[in-house]
N, C-alpha and C. Protein backbone atom coordinates (compact mmCIF):
# COMPACT_ATOMS: atom_id res chain seq x y z
N MET A 1 -67.75 87.33 -115.92
CA MET A 1 -66.41 87.88 -116.05
C MET A 1 -66.14 88.36 -117.48
N PHE A 2 -66.67 87.61 -118.45
CA PHE A 2 -66.47 87.99 -119.85
C PHE A 2 -67.06 89.36 -120.12
N TRP A 3 -68.27 89.60 -119.61
CA TRP A 3 -68.93 90.89 -119.86
C TRP A 3 -68.17 92.03 -119.19
N PHE A 4 -67.60 91.76 -118.06
CA PHE A 4 -66.82 92.79 -117.38
C PHE A 4 -65.58 93.17 -118.19
N LEU A 5 -64.85 92.20 -118.72
CA LEU A 5 -63.66 92.49 -119.54
C LEU A 5 -64.05 93.20 -120.83
N LEU A 6 -65.15 92.80 -121.43
CA LEU A 6 -65.60 93.45 -122.65
C LEU A 6 -65.99 94.91 -122.40
N LEU A 7 -66.69 95.15 -121.28
CA LEU A 7 -67.08 96.51 -120.94
C LEU A 7 -65.84 97.37 -120.60
N THR A 8 -64.88 96.82 -119.90
CA THR A 8 -63.65 97.54 -119.55
C THR A 8 -62.86 97.88 -120.80
N MET A 9 -62.78 96.96 -121.71
CA MET A 9 -62.05 97.21 -122.96
C MET A 9 -62.76 98.29 -123.78
N ALA A 10 -64.06 98.32 -123.81
CA ALA A 10 -64.80 99.35 -124.54
C ALA A 10 -64.59 100.72 -123.91
N VAL A 11 -64.56 100.78 -122.59
CA VAL A 11 -64.32 102.05 -121.90
C VAL A 11 -62.91 102.56 -122.18
N VAL A 12 -61.93 101.68 -122.15
CA VAL A 12 -60.54 102.08 -122.43
C VAL A 12 -60.40 102.57 -123.87
N VAL A 13 -61.00 101.87 -124.83
CA VAL A 13 -60.93 102.29 -126.23
C VAL A 13 -61.62 103.63 -126.40
N ALA A 14 -62.76 103.84 -125.77
CA ALA A 14 -63.47 105.11 -125.86
C ALA A 14 -62.66 106.23 -125.24
N ALA A 15 -62.01 106.00 -124.12
CA ALA A 15 -61.20 107.03 -123.45
C ALA A 15 -60.00 107.42 -124.31
N VAL A 16 -59.34 106.43 -124.89
CA VAL A 16 -58.19 106.71 -125.76
C VAL A 16 -58.64 107.47 -127.00
N THR A 17 -59.76 107.07 -127.57
CA THR A 17 -60.28 107.75 -128.76
C THR A 17 -60.63 109.20 -128.44
N LEU A 18 -61.29 109.44 -127.33
CA LEU A 18 -61.63 110.81 -126.94
C LEU A 18 -60.37 111.64 -126.67
N ALA A 19 -59.37 111.05 -126.07
CA ALA A 19 -58.14 111.78 -125.79
C ALA A 19 -57.42 112.16 -127.07
N VAL A 20 -57.40 111.27 -128.04
CA VAL A 20 -56.71 111.53 -129.30
C VAL A 20 -57.49 112.52 -130.15
N VAL A 21 -58.79 112.38 -130.25
CA VAL A 21 -59.62 113.24 -131.09
C VAL A 21 -59.74 114.63 -130.48
N GLY A 22 -59.65 114.74 -129.21
CA GLY A 22 -59.70 116.06 -128.59
C GLY A 22 -60.87 116.27 -127.69
N GLY A 23 -61.56 115.27 -127.33
CA GLY A 23 -62.67 115.41 -126.40
C GLY A 23 -62.14 115.56 -124.98
N GLY A 24 -62.94 116.11 -124.12
CA GLY A 24 -62.54 116.22 -122.72
C GLY A 24 -61.81 117.51 -122.41
N GLY A 25 -61.72 118.44 -123.33
CA GLY A 25 -61.13 119.75 -123.04
C GLY A 25 -59.63 119.86 -123.24
N SER A 26 -58.91 118.77 -123.39
CA SER A 26 -57.46 118.87 -123.60
C SER A 26 -57.08 118.11 -124.87
N PRO A 27 -57.12 118.80 -125.99
CA PRO A 27 -56.83 118.11 -127.25
C PRO A 27 -55.36 117.70 -127.35
N VAL A 28 -55.15 116.48 -127.75
CA VAL A 28 -53.79 115.98 -127.95
C VAL A 28 -53.31 116.34 -129.34
N LEU A 29 -54.15 116.12 -130.34
CA LEU A 29 -53.81 116.47 -131.71
C LEU A 29 -54.40 117.84 -132.03
N GLN A 30 -53.57 118.83 -132.17
CA GLN A 30 -54.04 120.17 -132.45
C GLN A 30 -53.99 120.43 -133.94
N ASP A 31 -54.84 121.35 -134.38
CA ASP A 31 -54.81 121.74 -135.79
C ASP A 31 -53.50 122.47 -136.06
N VAL A 32 -52.85 122.07 -137.12
CA VAL A 32 -51.55 122.65 -137.47
C VAL A 32 -51.73 123.51 -138.70
N GLU A 33 -51.06 124.65 -138.70
CA GLU A 33 -51.06 125.54 -139.87
C GLU A 33 -50.48 124.78 -141.06
N PRO A 34 -51.15 124.80 -142.21
CA PRO A 34 -50.59 124.08 -143.36
C PRO A 34 -49.23 124.64 -143.76
N GLU A 35 -48.37 123.74 -144.15
CA GLU A 35 -47.01 124.13 -144.54
C GLU A 35 -47.08 124.91 -145.85
N ARG A 36 -46.42 126.04 -145.89
CA ARG A 36 -46.40 126.89 -147.08
C ARG A 36 -44.96 127.06 -147.54
N LEU A 37 -44.82 127.31 -148.83
CA LEU A 37 -43.51 127.56 -149.41
C LEU A 37 -43.07 128.97 -149.04
N THR A 38 -42.00 129.06 -148.32
CA THR A 38 -41.38 130.36 -148.08
C THR A 38 -40.38 130.52 -149.20
N ASP A 39 -40.70 131.35 -150.15
CA ASP A 39 -39.96 131.46 -151.41
C ASP A 39 -38.46 131.62 -151.16
N PRO A 40 -37.70 130.52 -151.28
CA PRO A 40 -36.26 130.63 -151.08
C PRO A 40 -35.55 131.16 -152.31
N LEU A 41 -36.27 131.33 -153.41
CA LEU A 41 -35.64 131.83 -154.62
C LEU A 41 -35.42 133.33 -154.46
N PRO A 42 -34.20 133.81 -154.70
CA PRO A 42 -33.90 135.23 -154.45
C PRO A 42 -34.64 136.14 -155.42
N ALA A 43 -35.15 137.25 -154.89
CA ALA A 43 -35.88 138.20 -155.72
C ALA A 43 -34.95 139.29 -156.27
N ASN A 44 -33.80 139.48 -155.64
CA ASN A 44 -32.93 140.59 -156.02
C ASN A 44 -31.76 140.18 -156.91
N ARG A 45 -31.69 138.90 -157.30
CA ARG A 45 -30.61 138.45 -158.18
C ARG A 45 -31.10 137.23 -158.97
N PRO A 46 -30.39 136.88 -160.04
CA PRO A 46 -30.80 135.69 -160.81
C PRO A 46 -30.70 134.41 -159.98
N VAL A 47 -31.53 133.47 -160.30
CA VAL A 47 -31.54 132.18 -159.60
C VAL A 47 -30.33 131.38 -160.04
N GLY A 48 -29.63 130.80 -159.09
CA GLY A 48 -28.47 129.98 -159.39
C GLY A 48 -28.74 128.51 -159.08
N ARG A 49 -27.77 127.69 -159.42
CA ARG A 49 -27.91 126.25 -159.21
C ARG A 49 -28.08 125.93 -157.72
N ALA A 50 -27.33 126.61 -156.86
CA ALA A 50 -27.42 126.36 -155.42
C ALA A 50 -28.80 126.71 -154.89
N ASP A 51 -29.43 127.74 -155.45
CA ASP A 51 -30.78 128.12 -155.02
C ASP A 51 -31.79 127.03 -155.34
N VAL A 52 -31.66 126.45 -156.53
CA VAL A 52 -32.58 125.39 -156.94
C VAL A 52 -32.35 124.14 -156.10
N GLU A 53 -31.10 123.82 -155.83
CA GLU A 53 -30.81 122.63 -155.03
C GLU A 53 -31.26 122.80 -153.59
N ALA A 54 -31.26 124.02 -153.06
CA ALA A 54 -31.66 124.26 -151.68
C ALA A 54 -33.17 124.36 -151.52
N MET A 55 -33.91 124.52 -152.62
CA MET A 55 -35.35 124.70 -152.54
C MET A 55 -36.03 123.38 -152.14
N ARG A 56 -36.86 123.44 -151.12
CA ARG A 56 -37.63 122.28 -150.68
C ARG A 56 -39.10 122.67 -150.70
N LEU A 57 -39.86 121.97 -151.50
CA LEU A 57 -41.28 122.25 -151.63
C LEU A 57 -42.04 121.55 -150.51
N PRO A 58 -43.07 122.21 -149.95
CA PRO A 58 -43.84 121.59 -148.87
C PRO A 58 -44.70 120.45 -149.37
N MET A 59 -44.87 119.46 -148.52
CA MET A 59 -45.66 118.29 -148.88
C MET A 59 -47.13 118.52 -148.52
N ALA A 60 -47.99 117.88 -149.28
CA ALA A 60 -49.43 117.89 -149.01
C ALA A 60 -49.86 116.45 -148.81
N VAL A 61 -51.15 116.25 -148.64
CA VAL A 61 -51.66 114.90 -148.40
C VAL A 61 -51.33 113.97 -149.57
N ARG A 62 -51.49 114.47 -150.80
CA ARG A 62 -51.25 113.62 -151.97
C ARG A 62 -50.02 114.06 -152.73
N GLY A 63 -48.96 114.44 -152.08
CA GLY A 63 -47.73 114.82 -152.76
C GLY A 63 -47.38 116.26 -152.46
N TYR A 64 -47.02 117.01 -153.49
CA TYR A 64 -46.63 118.40 -153.32
C TYR A 64 -47.82 119.31 -153.58
N ARG A 65 -47.78 120.51 -153.00
CA ARG A 65 -48.82 121.50 -153.25
C ARG A 65 -48.67 122.03 -154.67
N MET A 66 -49.72 121.90 -155.45
CA MET A 66 -49.65 122.27 -156.87
C MET A 66 -49.38 123.76 -157.05
N THR A 67 -49.97 124.61 -156.23
CA THR A 67 -49.76 126.05 -156.41
C THR A 67 -48.31 126.43 -156.15
N ASP A 68 -47.70 125.82 -155.13
CA ASP A 68 -46.30 126.13 -154.83
C ASP A 68 -45.38 125.64 -155.93
N VAL A 69 -45.66 124.44 -156.44
CA VAL A 69 -44.84 123.89 -157.53
C VAL A 69 -45.01 124.74 -158.78
N ASP A 70 -46.24 125.15 -159.08
CA ASP A 70 -46.47 125.99 -160.26
C ASP A 70 -45.76 127.32 -160.15
N GLU A 71 -45.77 127.93 -158.96
CA GLU A 71 -45.07 129.20 -158.77
C GLU A 71 -43.57 129.04 -158.95
N ALA A 72 -43.00 128.00 -158.36
CA ALA A 72 -41.56 127.78 -158.48
C ALA A 72 -41.16 127.49 -159.92
N LEU A 73 -41.93 126.64 -160.60
CA LEU A 73 -41.61 126.31 -162.00
C LEU A 73 -41.81 127.52 -162.91
N GLY A 74 -42.82 128.33 -162.63
CA GLY A 74 -43.03 129.54 -163.41
C GLY A 74 -41.87 130.51 -163.26
N ARG A 75 -41.38 130.66 -162.03
CA ARG A 75 -40.24 131.55 -161.79
C ARG A 75 -38.99 131.04 -162.50
N LEU A 76 -38.73 129.73 -162.38
CA LEU A 76 -37.56 129.15 -163.05
C LEU A 76 -37.68 129.23 -164.56
N GLY A 77 -38.88 129.02 -165.10
CA GLY A 77 -39.09 129.13 -166.54
C GLY A 77 -38.84 130.54 -167.04
N ALA A 78 -39.30 131.54 -166.29
CA ALA A 78 -39.06 132.93 -166.68
C ALA A 78 -37.58 133.27 -166.66
N GLU A 79 -36.87 132.79 -165.63
CA GLU A 79 -35.43 133.04 -165.54
C GLU A 79 -34.69 132.39 -166.72
N LEU A 80 -35.06 131.15 -167.06
CA LEU A 80 -34.40 130.47 -168.16
C LEU A 80 -34.70 131.14 -169.50
N ALA A 81 -35.93 131.61 -169.69
CA ALA A 81 -36.27 132.32 -170.93
C ALA A 81 -35.49 133.61 -171.05
N GLU A 82 -35.33 134.32 -169.93
CA GLU A 82 -34.56 135.57 -169.95
C GLU A 82 -33.09 135.29 -170.27
N ARG A 83 -32.54 134.24 -169.68
CA ARG A 83 -31.14 133.88 -169.96
C ARG A 83 -30.96 133.44 -171.41
N ASP A 84 -31.91 132.67 -171.94
CA ASP A 84 -31.82 132.23 -173.33
C ASP A 84 -31.87 133.42 -174.29
N ALA A 85 -32.72 134.39 -173.99
CA ALA A 85 -32.80 135.58 -174.84
C ALA A 85 -31.49 136.37 -174.77
N HIS A 86 -30.92 136.47 -173.59
CA HIS A 86 -29.65 137.21 -173.43
C HIS A 86 -28.52 136.49 -174.16
N ILE A 87 -28.49 135.16 -174.07
CA ILE A 87 -27.46 134.38 -174.76
C ILE A 87 -27.61 134.53 -176.27
N ALA A 88 -28.85 134.48 -176.77
CA ALA A 88 -29.08 134.64 -178.21
C ALA A 88 -28.65 136.03 -178.68
N GLU A 89 -28.92 137.04 -177.87
CA GLU A 89 -28.51 138.41 -178.21
C GLU A 89 -26.98 138.53 -178.27
N LEU A 90 -26.30 137.94 -177.29
CA LEU A 90 -24.84 137.99 -177.29
C LEU A 90 -24.24 137.20 -178.45
N GLU A 91 -24.83 136.04 -178.77
CA GLU A 91 -24.33 135.25 -179.89
C GLU A 91 -24.51 135.97 -181.22
N SER A 92 -25.63 136.67 -181.39
CA SER A 92 -25.83 137.40 -182.64
C SER A 92 -24.88 138.59 -182.73
N ALA A 93 -24.61 139.25 -181.61
CA ALA A 93 -23.66 140.35 -181.62
C ALA A 93 -22.25 139.84 -181.94
N LEU A 94 -21.89 138.68 -181.40
CA LEU A 94 -20.58 138.09 -181.69
C LEU A 94 -20.48 137.69 -183.15
N ALA A 95 -21.54 137.09 -183.69
CA ALA A 95 -21.52 136.69 -185.10
C ALA A 95 -21.40 137.92 -185.99
N GLY A 96 -22.08 139.00 -185.65
CA GLY A 96 -21.97 140.23 -186.43
C GLY A 96 -20.57 140.82 -186.37
N ALA A 97 -19.96 140.79 -185.21
CA ALA A 97 -18.60 141.31 -185.06
C ALA A 97 -17.61 140.45 -185.83
N GLN A 98 -17.80 139.14 -185.80
CA GLN A 98 -16.91 138.26 -186.54
C GLN A 98 -17.08 138.44 -188.04
N ALA A 99 -18.30 138.63 -188.51
CA ALA A 99 -18.55 138.83 -189.94
C ALA A 99 -17.93 140.15 -190.39
N THR A 100 -18.01 141.17 -189.59
CA THR A 100 -17.41 142.46 -189.93
C THR A 100 -15.89 142.34 -190.00
N ALA A 101 -15.30 141.60 -189.07
CA ALA A 101 -13.85 141.44 -189.05
C ALA A 101 -13.38 140.63 -190.26
N VAL A 102 -14.14 139.63 -190.67
CA VAL A 102 -13.76 138.78 -191.80
C VAL A 102 -13.91 139.55 -193.11
N ASN A 103 -14.90 140.40 -193.23
CA ASN A 103 -15.18 141.12 -194.47
C ASN A 103 -14.35 142.40 -194.61
N GLY A 104 -13.31 142.55 -193.84
CA GLY A 104 -12.42 143.69 -194.00
C GLY A 104 -12.91 144.95 -193.32
N GLY A 105 -13.75 144.81 -192.33
CA GLY A 105 -14.25 145.95 -191.59
C GLY A 105 -13.14 146.51 -190.71
N PRO A 106 -13.46 147.44 -189.87
CA PRO A 106 -12.45 148.03 -189.01
C PRO A 106 -11.81 146.97 -188.12
N ASP A 107 -10.53 147.12 -187.91
CA ASP A 107 -9.79 146.17 -187.09
C ASP A 107 -10.11 146.46 -185.63
N LEU A 108 -10.80 145.51 -184.99
CA LEU A 108 -11.22 145.72 -183.61
C LEU A 108 -10.07 145.63 -182.63
N PHE A 109 -8.96 145.03 -183.06
CA PHE A 109 -7.85 144.82 -182.15
C PHE A 109 -6.71 145.82 -182.39
N LYS A 110 -6.90 146.81 -183.26
CA LYS A 110 -5.88 147.80 -183.56
C LYS A 110 -5.96 148.91 -182.52
N ARG A 111 -4.81 149.37 -182.07
CA ARG A 111 -4.79 150.49 -181.13
C ARG A 111 -5.18 151.76 -181.87
N PRO A 112 -5.87 152.69 -181.21
CA PRO A 112 -6.32 153.90 -181.90
C PRO A 112 -5.19 154.80 -182.36
N ASP A 113 -4.05 154.80 -181.67
CA ASP A 113 -2.96 155.68 -182.06
C ASP A 113 -2.04 155.03 -183.09
N GLU A 114 -2.28 153.79 -183.46
CA GLU A 114 -1.45 153.08 -184.44
C GLU A 114 -1.89 153.50 -185.84
N PRO A 115 -0.93 153.85 -186.74
CA PRO A 115 -1.31 154.28 -188.09
C PRO A 115 -1.95 153.13 -188.87
N ARG A 116 -2.87 153.48 -189.75
CA ARG A 116 -3.56 152.50 -190.57
C ARG A 116 -2.63 152.05 -191.69
N ARG A 117 -2.59 150.75 -191.93
CA ARG A 117 -1.70 150.17 -192.93
C ARG A 117 -2.51 149.63 -194.09
N GLY A 118 -1.93 149.63 -195.26
CA GLY A 118 -2.55 149.05 -196.45
C GLY A 118 -2.33 147.56 -196.47
N GLU A 119 -2.72 146.92 -197.59
CA GLU A 119 -2.58 145.47 -197.71
C GLU A 119 -1.12 145.03 -197.75
N ASP A 120 -0.23 145.90 -198.27
CA ASP A 120 1.18 145.52 -198.37
C ASP A 120 1.94 145.82 -197.08
N GLY A 121 1.27 146.34 -196.04
CA GLY A 121 1.94 146.59 -194.78
C GLY A 121 2.48 148.00 -194.66
N ARG A 122 2.45 148.79 -195.76
CA ARG A 122 2.95 150.16 -195.70
C ARG A 122 1.80 151.08 -195.33
N PRO A 123 2.10 152.27 -194.78
CA PRO A 123 1.04 153.21 -194.42
C PRO A 123 0.18 153.55 -195.62
N GLY A 124 -1.13 153.72 -195.42
CA GLY A 124 -2.05 154.06 -196.46
C GLY A 124 -1.93 155.53 -196.87
N GLU A 125 -2.71 155.92 -197.89
CA GLU A 125 -2.61 157.29 -198.41
C GLU A 125 -2.98 158.34 -197.39
N GLU A 126 -4.04 158.09 -196.63
CA GLU A 126 -4.47 159.11 -195.68
C GLU A 126 -3.48 159.29 -194.55
N ASP A 127 -2.62 158.27 -194.28
CA ASP A 127 -1.64 158.39 -193.20
C ASP A 127 -0.39 159.11 -193.65
N GLU A 128 -0.11 159.23 -194.94
CA GLU A 128 1.11 159.84 -195.43
C GLU A 128 1.03 161.35 -195.37
N ARG A 129 -0.11 161.94 -195.25
CA ARG A 129 -0.22 163.39 -195.23
C ARG A 129 0.35 164.01 -194.07
């Protein structure tokens, strides 16, 4: 009786193994296409906070796919570098405008049709003509 139970158990284990591995013509576990990053980062506009929060990187056997992570980080790094350059350009333009205004340059807030005034508040020489 012992040998019969042992043989039956071996047959059942072999049948289950073949069914799971795919033997017998009807595979239970099919090969699945590897998960790929469908670039959720917009190509036609700058990346925003909501885009980064919505991005989900595909998982691999040992964590995340390195190529997908590298692509996403490269894109975000390029966007941040572009924004930093634009901010630096705007800050230098603002500093130049402020320096010109402080050093007695043209009054940026004066209306074009308003006559130019001297230091004492009276019209200057060129306006009296």
